[in-house]
N, C-alpha and C. Protein backbone atom coordinates (compact mmCIF):
# COMPACT_ATOMS: atom_id res chain seq x y z
N GLY A 1 -5.46 30.41 29.03
CA GLY A 1 -4.93 28.89 28.78
C GLY A 1 -4.09 28.77 27.48
N ARG A 2 -3.29 27.43 27.45
CA ARG A 2 -1.87 27.15 26.57
C ARG A 2 -2.48 26.95 25.34
N GLY A 3 -1.97 27.46 23.98
CA GLY A 3 -2.13 26.77 23.17
C GLY A 3 -1.94 25.43 23.24
N HIS A 4 -2.15 24.53 22.07
CA HIS A 4 -2.39 23.09 22.16
C HIS A 4 -1.27 22.77 20.90
N GLY A 5 -0.66 23.70 20.71
CA GLY A 5 -0.02 23.47 19.25
C GLY A 5 1.23 22.87 19.17
N PRO A 6 2.36 22.20 18.67
CA PRO A 6 3.21 21.87 18.69
C PRO A 6 4.59 22.28 19.14
N PRO A 7 5.26 21.92 20.20
CA PRO A 7 5.92 22.36 21.30
C PRO A 7 7.30 22.99 20.06
N ALA A 8 7.73 23.66 20.68
CA ALA A 8 8.98 24.59 19.72
C ALA A 8 9.78 23.65 19.92
N GLY A 9 10.51 24.20 18.54
CA GLY A 9 11.36 22.91 18.03
C GLY A 9 10.96 22.02 17.08
N SER A 10 9.88 21.57 17.15
CA SER A 10 9.06 19.89 16.83
C SER A 10 9.37 20.48 15.16
N VAL A 11 9.01 19.82 14.38
CA VAL A 11 9.36 19.80 12.63
C VAL A 11 7.71 19.52 12.74
N VAL A 12 7.20 20.58 11.68
CA VAL A 12 5.62 20.83 10.99
C VAL A 12 5.73 20.67 8.80
N ILE A 13 4.75 19.97 8.70
CA ILE A 13 4.48 20.66 6.97
C ILE A 13 3.42 21.38 7.49
N LEU A 14 2.94 22.27 6.06
CA LEU A 14 2.28 23.51 6.33
C LEU A 14 0.97 22.69 5.32
N GLN A 15 -0.35 23.19 6.07
CA GLN A 15 -0.80 22.45 4.92
C GLN A 15 -2.29 23.30 5.03
N GLY A 16 -3.66 23.23 3.87
CA GLY A 16 -4.69 23.82 3.92
C GLY A 16 -4.68 24.99 4.03
N LEU A 17 -3.37 26.20 3.47
CA LEU A 17 -3.24 27.70 3.45
C LEU A 17 -3.94 28.01 2.57
N SER A 18 -4.96 29.02 2.60
CA SER A 18 -5.70 29.38 0.95
C SER A 18 -5.32 30.78 0.33
N LYS A 19 -4.71 31.54 1.42
CA LYS A 19 -3.88 32.74 1.39
C LYS A 19 -2.42 32.60 0.37
N ALA A 20 -1.78 31.45 0.99
CA ALA A 20 -0.49 31.30 0.57
C ALA A 20 -0.24 29.99 -0.19
N PRO A 21 -0.96 29.37 -1.15
CA PRO A 21 -1.14 27.75 -1.24
C PRO A 21 0.54 27.82 -1.71
N GLN A 22 1.34 28.20 -2.11
CA GLN A 22 2.83 28.07 -2.43
C GLN A 22 3.93 27.43 -1.68
N LEU A 23 3.22 27.76 0.06
CA LEU A 23 3.08 26.76 1.04
C LEU A 23 3.26 25.95 1.35
N ASN A 24 1.70 24.86 1.11
CA ASN A 24 1.53 24.00 1.43
C ASN A 24 2.52 22.51 1.32
N GLY A 25 2.75 21.96 1.78
CA GLY A 25 3.52 20.51 1.97
C GLY A 25 5.12 21.44 2.22
N ARG A 26 5.26 22.66 2.34
CA ARG A 26 6.60 23.12 3.08
C ARG A 26 7.20 22.21 4.60
N THR A 27 8.08 22.09 4.96
CA THR A 27 8.32 21.86 5.92
C THR A 27 9.52 22.81 6.71
N GLY A 28 9.05 23.18 8.05
CA GLY A 28 9.16 24.05 9.01
C GLY A 28 9.39 23.36 10.25
N THR A 29 10.41 24.35 11.24
CA THR A 29 10.34 24.06 12.63
C THR A 29 9.51 25.31 13.54
N VAL A 30 9.05 24.25 14.43
CA VAL A 30 8.15 25.81 15.50
C VAL A 30 9.32 26.16 15.96
N ALA A 31 9.48 27.74 15.92
CA ALA A 31 10.33 28.71 16.48
C ALA A 31 9.54 28.88 18.19
N ALA A 32 8.53 29.12 17.99
CA ALA A 32 8.33 29.32 19.43
C ALA A 32 6.77 28.94 19.63
N ALA A 33 6.40 28.36 20.66
CA ALA A 33 4.94 27.90 20.97
C ALA A 33 4.01 28.54 20.24
N VAL A 34 2.81 28.01 20.43
CA VAL A 34 1.87 28.79 20.27
C VAL A 34 1.25 30.44 21.07
N ASP A 35 0.82 30.94 20.53
CA ASP A 35 0.46 32.28 21.22
C ASP A 35 -0.34 32.33 22.01
N GLY A 36 -1.29 31.82 23.03
CA GLY A 36 -2.41 31.87 23.33
C GLY A 36 -3.69 32.83 22.91
N ALA A 37 -3.47 34.04 22.52
CA ALA A 37 -3.78 35.26 22.25
C ALA A 37 -4.59 34.98 20.95
N THR A 38 -3.33 35.00 19.73
CA THR A 38 -3.72 34.64 18.69
C THR A 38 -4.18 33.24 17.84
N GLY A 39 -3.65 32.49 18.61
CA GLY A 39 -3.78 31.20 18.31
C GLY A 39 -2.89 30.73 17.10
N ARG A 40 -1.59 31.63 16.98
CA ARG A 40 -0.54 31.39 15.94
C ARG A 40 0.50 30.95 16.58
N CYS A 41 1.59 30.86 15.86
CA CYS A 41 2.80 29.99 15.95
C CYS A 41 3.93 30.27 14.80
N GLN A 42 4.87 30.74 15.54
CA GLN A 42 6.41 31.47 14.46
C GLN A 42 6.58 29.82 14.02
N VAL A 43 6.79 29.48 12.97
CA VAL A 43 7.59 28.24 12.03
C VAL A 43 8.61 29.23 11.17
N LEU A 44 10.05 28.76 11.45
CA LEU A 44 10.67 29.23 10.69
C LEU A 44 11.01 28.20 9.41
N LEU A 45 10.78 28.54 8.27
CA LEU A 45 10.84 27.63 7.02
C LEU A 45 12.53 27.40 6.41
N ALA A 46 12.43 26.89 5.86
CA ALA A 46 13.78 26.06 5.04
C ALA A 46 15.02 27.56 4.41
N ASP A 47 14.05 28.41 4.02
CA ASP A 47 14.76 29.59 3.44
C ASP A 47 14.59 30.63 4.68
N ASN A 48 14.70 30.51 5.59
CA ASN A 48 14.81 31.35 7.09
C ASN A 48 13.83 32.16 7.11
N SER A 49 12.78 32.18 6.18
CA SER A 49 12.03 33.00 6.99
C SER A 49 10.96 32.75 7.63
N VAL A 50 10.05 33.20 8.41
CA VAL A 50 9.31 32.96 9.74
C VAL A 50 8.13 33.67 9.24
N LYS A 51 7.16 32.32 9.39
CA LYS A 51 5.72 32.73 9.59
C LYS A 51 5.06 32.67 10.47
N SER A 52 4.01 33.34 10.67
CA SER A 52 3.02 33.15 11.64
C SER A 52 2.23 32.30 11.12
N LEU A 53 1.62 31.06 11.57
CA LEU A 53 0.68 30.67 10.96
C LEU A 53 -0.41 29.88 11.72
N LYS A 54 -1.66 29.75 11.87
CA LYS A 54 -2.55 29.21 12.47
C LYS A 54 -2.39 27.61 13.18
N VAL A 55 -2.71 26.92 14.16
CA VAL A 55 -2.14 25.75 14.57
C VAL A 55 -2.81 24.64 13.31
N GLU A 56 -4.61 25.13 12.96
CA GLU A 56 -4.82 24.51 12.07
C GLU A 56 -4.20 24.07 10.75
N ASN A 57 -3.31 24.76 10.51
CA ASN A 57 -2.57 24.31 9.41
C ASN A 57 -0.90 23.86 9.92
N LEU A 58 -1.11 23.51 10.70
CA LEU A 58 0.43 23.07 10.71
C LEU A 58 0.15 21.25 11.41
N ARG A 59 0.77 20.39 11.01
CA ARG A 59 0.49 19.03 11.05
C ARG A 59 2.46 18.54 11.83
N GLN A 60 2.51 18.23 13.00
CA GLN A 60 3.58 17.63 13.32
C GLN A 60 4.11 16.43 12.54
N VAL A 61 5.09 16.79 12.15
CA VAL A 61 5.90 15.19 11.44
C VAL A 61 6.92 14.53 12.00
N LEU A 62 7.37 13.82 11.54
CA LEU A 62 8.59 13.16 11.94
C LEU A 62 9.91 12.99 10.95
N THR A 63 9.67 14.50 10.53
CA THR A 63 11.19 14.58 9.49
C THR A 63 12.49 14.91 10.40
N GLY A 64 13.46 14.22 9.54
CA GLY A 64 14.85 14.52 10.62
C GLY A 64 15.43 13.14 12.08
N ALA A 65 13.78 12.96 12.21
CA ALA A 65 14.11 12.24 13.60
C ALA A 65 14.27 10.69 12.55
N VAL A 66 14.85 9.78 14.11
CA VAL A 66 15.66 8.55 13.89
C VAL A 66 14.29 7.61 13.76
N VAL A 67 14.17 6.63 12.86
CA VAL A 67 12.30 5.76 12.86
C VAL A 67 13.09 4.31 12.47
N ARG A 68 12.13 3.42 13.19
CA ARG A 68 11.88 2.01 12.92
C ARG A 68 11.23 1.46 11.75
N LEU A 69 11.05 0.98 11.26
CA LEU A 69 9.97 0.80 10.20
C LEU A 69 9.63 -0.81 11.08
N LYS A 70 8.21 -0.75 10.82
CA LYS A 70 7.13 -2.22 11.30
C LYS A 70 6.47 -2.49 10.63
N GLY A 71 5.78 -3.52 10.45
CA GLY A 71 4.24 -3.79 10.07
C GLY A 71 4.57 -3.47 8.18
N LEU A 72 5.67 -3.95 7.88
CA LEU A 72 5.53 -3.21 6.37
C LEU A 72 5.54 -4.97 5.62
N GLN A 73 4.62 -5.07 4.99
CA GLN A 73 4.13 -6.10 3.83
C GLN A 73 4.85 -6.53 2.89
N ALA A 74 5.08 -5.82 2.15
CA ALA A 74 5.65 -5.51 0.85
C ALA A 74 7.37 -5.87 1.24
N ALA A 75 7.58 -5.18 1.86
CA ALA A 75 8.73 -5.93 2.20
C ALA A 75 8.83 -6.55 3.70
N PRO A 76 9.13 -7.26 4.03
CA PRO A 76 8.98 -7.77 5.61
C PRO A 76 10.58 -7.28 6.08
N GLU A 77 11.42 -7.79 4.87
CA GLU A 77 12.87 -7.81 5.42
C GLU A 77 13.57 -6.44 6.49
N LEU A 78 12.38 -5.03 6.00
CA LEU A 78 12.91 -3.93 6.63
C LEU A 78 12.43 -3.83 7.69
N ASN A 79 11.15 -4.58 8.24
CA ASN A 79 10.79 -4.44 9.59
C ASN A 79 11.87 -4.03 10.68
N GLY A 80 11.84 -3.53 11.55
CA GLY A 80 13.22 -3.62 12.66
C GLY A 80 14.14 -2.98 12.34
N LYS A 81 14.47 -2.48 10.91
CA LYS A 81 14.89 -1.74 10.43
C LYS A 81 15.39 0.04 10.83
N LEU A 82 16.17 0.60 11.26
CA LEU A 82 16.53 2.29 11.81
C LEU A 82 16.68 2.49 10.31
N ALA A 83 16.06 3.88 10.60
CA ALA A 83 16.07 4.92 8.63
C ALA A 83 15.94 6.29 9.90
N GLU A 84 16.63 7.16 9.10
CA GLU A 84 15.71 8.39 8.96
C GLU A 84 14.80 8.73 8.30
N CYS A 85 13.90 9.50 9.10
CA CYS A 85 12.64 10.24 8.03
C CYS A 85 12.99 11.54 7.52
N GLY A 86 12.68 11.39 6.04
CA GLY A 86 13.04 12.89 5.30
C GLY A 86 11.57 13.49 5.10
N GLU A 87 11.29 13.61 4.28
CA GLU A 87 9.91 15.21 3.82
C GLU A 87 8.82 14.20 4.10
N LEU A 88 7.93 14.38 4.91
CA LEU A 88 6.31 13.54 4.57
C LEU A 88 5.53 14.29 2.68
N GLU A 89 5.30 13.31 1.89
CA GLU A 89 4.75 14.18 0.70
C GLU A 89 3.43 14.03 0.89
N LEU A 90 2.39 15.50 1.09
CA LEU A 90 1.06 15.63 1.33
C LEU A 90 -0.32 14.39 0.33
N THR A 91 0.41 14.16 -0.62
CA THR A 91 -0.16 13.66 -1.70
C THR A 91 -0.72 12.26 -1.55
N SER A 92 1.03 11.86 -0.87
CA SER A 92 0.55 9.97 -0.81
C SER A 92 0.73 9.65 0.59
N GLN A 93 1.06 10.67 1.41
CA GLN A 93 0.73 10.43 2.99
C GLN A 93 1.97 9.54 2.75
N ARG A 94 3.14 10.02 1.97
CA ARG A 94 4.05 8.89 2.62
C ARG A 94 5.38 9.26 3.09
N TYR A 95 5.95 9.38 4.20
CA TYR A 95 7.64 9.86 4.29
C TYR A 95 8.20 8.81 2.92
N SER A 96 9.50 9.87 3.08
CA SER A 96 11.02 9.23 2.15
C SER A 96 11.60 9.06 3.30
N VAL A 97 11.92 7.99 3.94
CA VAL A 97 13.21 7.46 4.64
C VAL A 97 14.20 6.70 4.21
N THR A 98 15.75 7.19 4.64
CA THR A 98 16.68 6.71 4.34
C THR A 98 17.20 5.90 5.52
N LEU A 99 17.25 4.46 4.68
CA LEU A 99 17.42 3.40 5.66
C LEU A 99 19.25 3.60 6.35
N ALA A 100 19.57 3.08 6.94
CA ALA A 100 20.85 3.13 7.95
C ALA A 100 21.09 1.50 7.22
N ASP A 101 21.52 1.44 5.97
CA ASP A 101 21.69 0.02 5.38
C ASP A 101 23.41 -0.03 4.73
N GLY A 102 24.03 1.52 5.02
CA GLY A 102 25.17 2.00 4.46
C GLY A 102 25.13 1.95 2.96
N LYS A 103 24.25 2.22 2.14
CA LYS A 103 23.67 2.06 0.90
C LYS A 103 22.54 3.62 0.51
N ASP A 104 22.57 4.30 1.95
CA ASP A 104 21.64 5.32 1.48
C ASP A 104 20.73 5.09 1.01
N THR A 105 20.01 3.61 1.04
CA THR A 105 18.59 3.34 0.18
C THR A 105 16.88 4.14 1.05
N ILE A 106 16.68 4.73 0.01
CA ILE A 106 15.82 5.72 0.32
C ILE A 106 13.87 4.61 0.18
N LYS A 107 13.43 4.70 1.02
CA LYS A 107 11.57 4.08 0.53
C LYS A 107 10.73 5.04 0.83
N LYS A 108 9.85 5.22 0.58
CA LYS A 108 8.51 5.64 0.68
C LYS A 108 7.30 4.90 1.76
N VAL A 109 7.31 5.33 3.32
CA VAL A 109 6.63 4.66 4.06
C VAL A 109 5.47 5.45 4.43
N LYS A 110 4.07 4.64 5.00
CA LYS A 110 3.41 6.02 5.65
C LYS A 110 3.71 5.91 6.86
N GLU A 111 2.86 6.77 7.53
CA GLU A 111 3.54 6.66 9.24
C GLU A 111 2.93 5.66 10.20
N PRO A 112 1.96 4.93 9.65
CA PRO A 112 1.71 3.73 10.44
C PRO A 112 3.05 2.60 10.25
N ASN A 113 3.47 2.83 9.93
CA ASN A 113 4.60 1.80 9.78
C ASN A 113 6.11 2.62 10.17
N LEU A 114 5.77 3.44 10.89
CA LEU A 114 7.28 4.05 11.46
C LEU A 114 6.98 4.48 13.06
N GLU A 115 8.00 4.32 13.85
CA GLU A 115 7.84 4.43 15.27
C GLU A 115 8.77 4.99 15.49
């Protein structure tokens, strides 16, 4: 059967790596779909190294995507605005998003507030 990992080309964040903890929180791009035999996925990191990682250590993220803000209570004027999604911070579970407001304003937003 085919693996259930993220498709090739999707952006992932690395998490839960015990043998290489320095990689946790790093963002990479899935270079090849999951190998059904090993359950591992080839991930290309920003420094152009390729790591073979288990699916459970990958979390698909919105980094690089254009998103629309929604459901913000602290800043309701931003709801419906478009932004480019940046890195996910694992500790706060928030994305840095750059607003398309001509000023490149950066906000920290949780995933449920992005679509």
